[in-house]
Amino acid sequence: MTDLILEKLKTILEENKNKKITVIGTTCVGKTTLLKNISEGIAISELAPKLTKEEENFYYNAPLTRENNKKMLEMRAKRAFVKAGQPAFGTGIASGTELVVCLIISDELLRKRTESRNVDFEQAKIMQAFIEEEIKESGLPVIELSVG
């Protein structure tokens, strides 16, 4: 992750500090790395109360399909509410979001990162497609930020 990408994100967040922002991207795109450098940021998982055992089992073990993704989005929508000045980072849009910052990654870099982390590239691409669909369906304004 370059300093330039981090600075661009910090500028976007500063220019929109009065908005409720979700920073979204597929697995291995660099959300956690960026979050570590954004002091006011928070992981969407931290916004939501703990899942029930049944929900947790489903969330972590269900295959990534369109139907299961919608169910996961519904679970999150009931729990995770973003606040102005505290951007939420995750693989989906937090409730109350007014602006989406979408982290864009090339297939080449995504493949490299998934291989280095022993993550399934195809699953990361499926998640990426679901994220794109969720953004489109949300009708929210979007700022795209390329991470490479």
Protein backbone atom coordinates (compact mmCIF):
# COMPACT_ATOMS: atom_id res chain seq x y z
CA MET A 1 0.00 0.00 0.00
CA THR A 2 1.54 3.26 -1.02
CA ASP A 3 1.55 6.49 0.94
CA LEU A 4 -0.09 8.16 -2.07
CA ILE A 5 -3.19 5.95 -1.78
CA LEU A 6 -3.40 6.62 1.96
CA GLU A 7 -3.05 10.37 1.39
CA LYS A 8 -5.75 10.31 -1.30
CA LEU A 9 -8.10 8.49 1.07
CA LYS A 10 -7.34 10.90 3.91
CA THR A 11 -8.12 13.82 1.58
CA ILE A 12 -11.44 12.25 0.53
CA LEU A 13 -12.38 11.64 4.17
CA GLU A 14 -11.39 15.17 5.22
CA GLU A 15 -13.34 16.77 2.36
CA ASN A 16 -16.40 14.71 3.36
CA LYS A 17 -15.95 14.64 7.15
CA ASN A 18 -19.57 15.62 7.81
CA LYS A 19 -20.88 12.66 5.82
CA LYS A 20 -21.46 9.07 6.87
CA ILE A 21 -18.92 7.13 4.80
CA THR A 22 -18.33 3.47 4.08
CA VAL A 23 -14.98 2.46 2.58
CA ILE A 24 -15.69 -0.76 0.74
CA GLY A 25 -13.70 -3.35 -1.16
CA THR A 26 -13.22 -7.03 -1.71
CA THR A 27 -10.92 -9.20 0.39
CA CYS A 28 -7.18 -8.45 0.03
CA VAL A 29 -7.77 -4.96 -1.39
CA GLY A 30 -6.09 -3.25 1.59
CA LYS A 31 -8.98 -2.17 3.83
CA THR A 32 -7.30 -3.30 7.04
CA THR A 33 -3.98 -1.69 6.11
CA LEU A 34 -5.72 1.61 5.36
CA LEU A 35 -7.86 1.38 8.49
CA LYS A 36 -4.74 1.03 10.65
CA ASN A 37 -3.69 4.45 9.37
CA ILE A 38 -7.06 6.22 9.70
CA SER A 39 -7.43 6.93 13.41
CA GLU A 40 -11.13 7.78 13.25
CA GLY A 41 -11.99 4.75 11.07
CA ILE A 42 -13.74 1.62 12.31
CA ALA A 43 -14.32 -1.86 10.91
CA ILE A 44 -17.97 -2.55 10.10
CA SER A 45 -17.69 -5.68 12.24
CA GLU A 46 -16.97 -3.42 15.24
CA LEU A 47 -20.12 -1.36 14.60
CA ALA A 48 -22.44 -4.32 14.85
CA PRO A 49 -23.39 -6.17 18.02
CA LYS A 50 -22.16 -9.73 18.16
CA LEU A 51 -23.87 -12.24 15.92
CA THR A 52 -25.86 -15.07 17.43
CA LYS A 53 -24.16 -18.48 17.25
CA GLU A 54 -26.50 -19.46 14.40
CA GLU A 55 -25.76 -16.25 12.47
CA GLU A 56 -22.03 -16.58 13.09
CA ASN A 57 -22.07 -20.16 11.82
CA PHE A 58 -23.93 -19.08 8.69
CA TYR A 59 -21.73 -16.00 8.13
CA TYR A 60 -18.45 -17.88 8.34
CA ASN A 61 -19.43 -21.21 6.83
CA ALA A 62 -22.09 -20.62 4.16
CA PRO A 63 -20.87 -20.72 0.56
CA LEU A 64 -20.61 -17.30 -1.09
CA THR A 65 -23.69 -17.22 -3.30
CA ARG A 66 -25.96 -14.34 -4.34
CA GLU A 67 -28.72 -15.57 -1.98
CA ASN A 68 -26.35 -16.02 0.97
CA ASN A 69 -24.74 -12.64 0.29
CA LYS A 70 -28.16 -10.95 0.46
CA LYS A 71 -28.84 -12.70 3.78
CA MET A 72 -25.48 -11.50 5.12
CA LEU A 73 -26.25 -7.95 3.95
CA GLU A 74 -29.57 -8.07 5.80
CA MET A 75 -27.85 -9.24 9.00
CA ARG A 76 -25.39 -6.35 8.74
CA ALA A 77 -28.04 -3.76 7.84
CA LYS A 78 -29.90 -4.50 11.06
CA ARG A 79 -26.81 -3.86 13.18
CA ALA A 80 -24.06 -1.68 11.67
CA PHE A 81 -24.79 2.05 11.63
CA VAL A 82 -22.08 4.38 10.37
CA LYS A 83 -21.53 7.79 11.98
CA ALA A 84 -20.35 11.05 10.43
CA GLY A 85 -16.64 11.51 11.02
CA GLN A 86 -16.12 7.80 11.66
CA PRO A 87 -15.75 6.03 8.29
CA ALA A 88 -16.65 2.35 8.33
CA PHE A 89 -14.42 -0.14 6.48
CA GLY A 90 -15.77 -3.44 5.17
CA THR A 91 -17.01 -5.62 2.35
CA GLY A 92 -20.50 -4.11 2.40
CA ILE A 93 -22.28 -0.83 2.93
CA ALA A 94 -23.09 0.08 6.54
CA SER A 95 -26.58 1.35 7.36
CA GLY A 96 -26.99 5.11 7.16
CA THR A 97 -24.14 5.54 4.66
CA GLU A 98 -24.29 8.77 2.64
CA LEU A 99 -21.11 8.29 0.57
CA VAL A 100 -19.28 5.16 -0.57
CA VAL A 101 -15.54 5.08 -1.19
CA CYS A 102 -14.92 2.00 -3.31
CA LEU A 103 -11.41 0.57 -3.35
CA ILE A 104 -10.61 -0.66 -6.85
CA ILE A 105 -7.94 -3.30 -7.46
CA SER A 106 -6.62 -4.82 -10.68
CA ASP A 107 -7.04 -8.55 -11.21
CA GLU A 108 -3.25 -8.89 -11.40
CA LEU A 109 -2.69 -7.30 -7.98
CA LEU A 110 -5.68 -9.08 -6.45
CA ARG A 111 -4.33 -12.43 -7.66
CA LYS A 112 -0.90 -11.63 -6.19
CA ARG A 113 -2.39 -10.62 -2.82
CA THR A 114 -4.78 -13.57 -2.58
CA GLU A 115 -1.96 -16.01 -3.38
CA SER A 116 0.31 -14.46 -0.74
CA ARG A 117 -2.46 -14.78 1.87
CA ASN A 118 -3.68 -18.20 0.75
CA VAL A 119 -7.11 -16.77 -0.11
CA ASP A 120 -9.20 -18.09 -3.01
CA PHE A 121 -8.92 -15.61 -5.91
CA GLU A 122 -12.25 -16.69 -7.41
CA GLN A 123 -14.05 -16.12 -4.11
CA ALA A 124 -12.49 -12.65 -3.91
CA LYS A 125 -13.77 -11.93 -7.44
CA ILE A 126 -17.26 -13.17 -6.53
CA MET A 127 -17.23 -10.89 -3.49
CA GLN A 128 -16.07 -8.02 -5.71
CA ALA A 129 -19.03 -8.62 -8.05
CA PHE A 130 -21.46 -8.65 -5.10
CA ILE A 131 -19.96 -5.38 -3.82
CA GLU A 132 -20.38 -3.76 -7.24
CA GLU A 133 -23.99 -4.94 -7.33
CA GLU A 134 -24.69 -3.64 -3.81
CA ILE A 135 -23.23 -0.24 -4.68
CA LYS A 136 -25.30 -0.02 -7.86
CA GLU A 137 -28.50 -1.01 -6.06
CA SER A 138 -27.84 1.47 -3.23
CA GLY A 139 -28.00 4.51 -5.51
CA LEU A 140 -25.48 6.22 -3.22
CA PRO A 141 -22.77 8.57 -4.52
CA VAL A 142 -19.48 6.73 -5.02
CA ILE A 143 -15.85 7.82 -5.12
CA GLU A 144 -13.57 5.19 -6.64
CA LEU A 145 -10.02 4.93 -5.33
CA SER A 146 -7.59 2.72 -7.22
CA VAL A 147 -5.17 0.75 -5.05
CA GLY A 148 -3.34 -0.67 -8.06
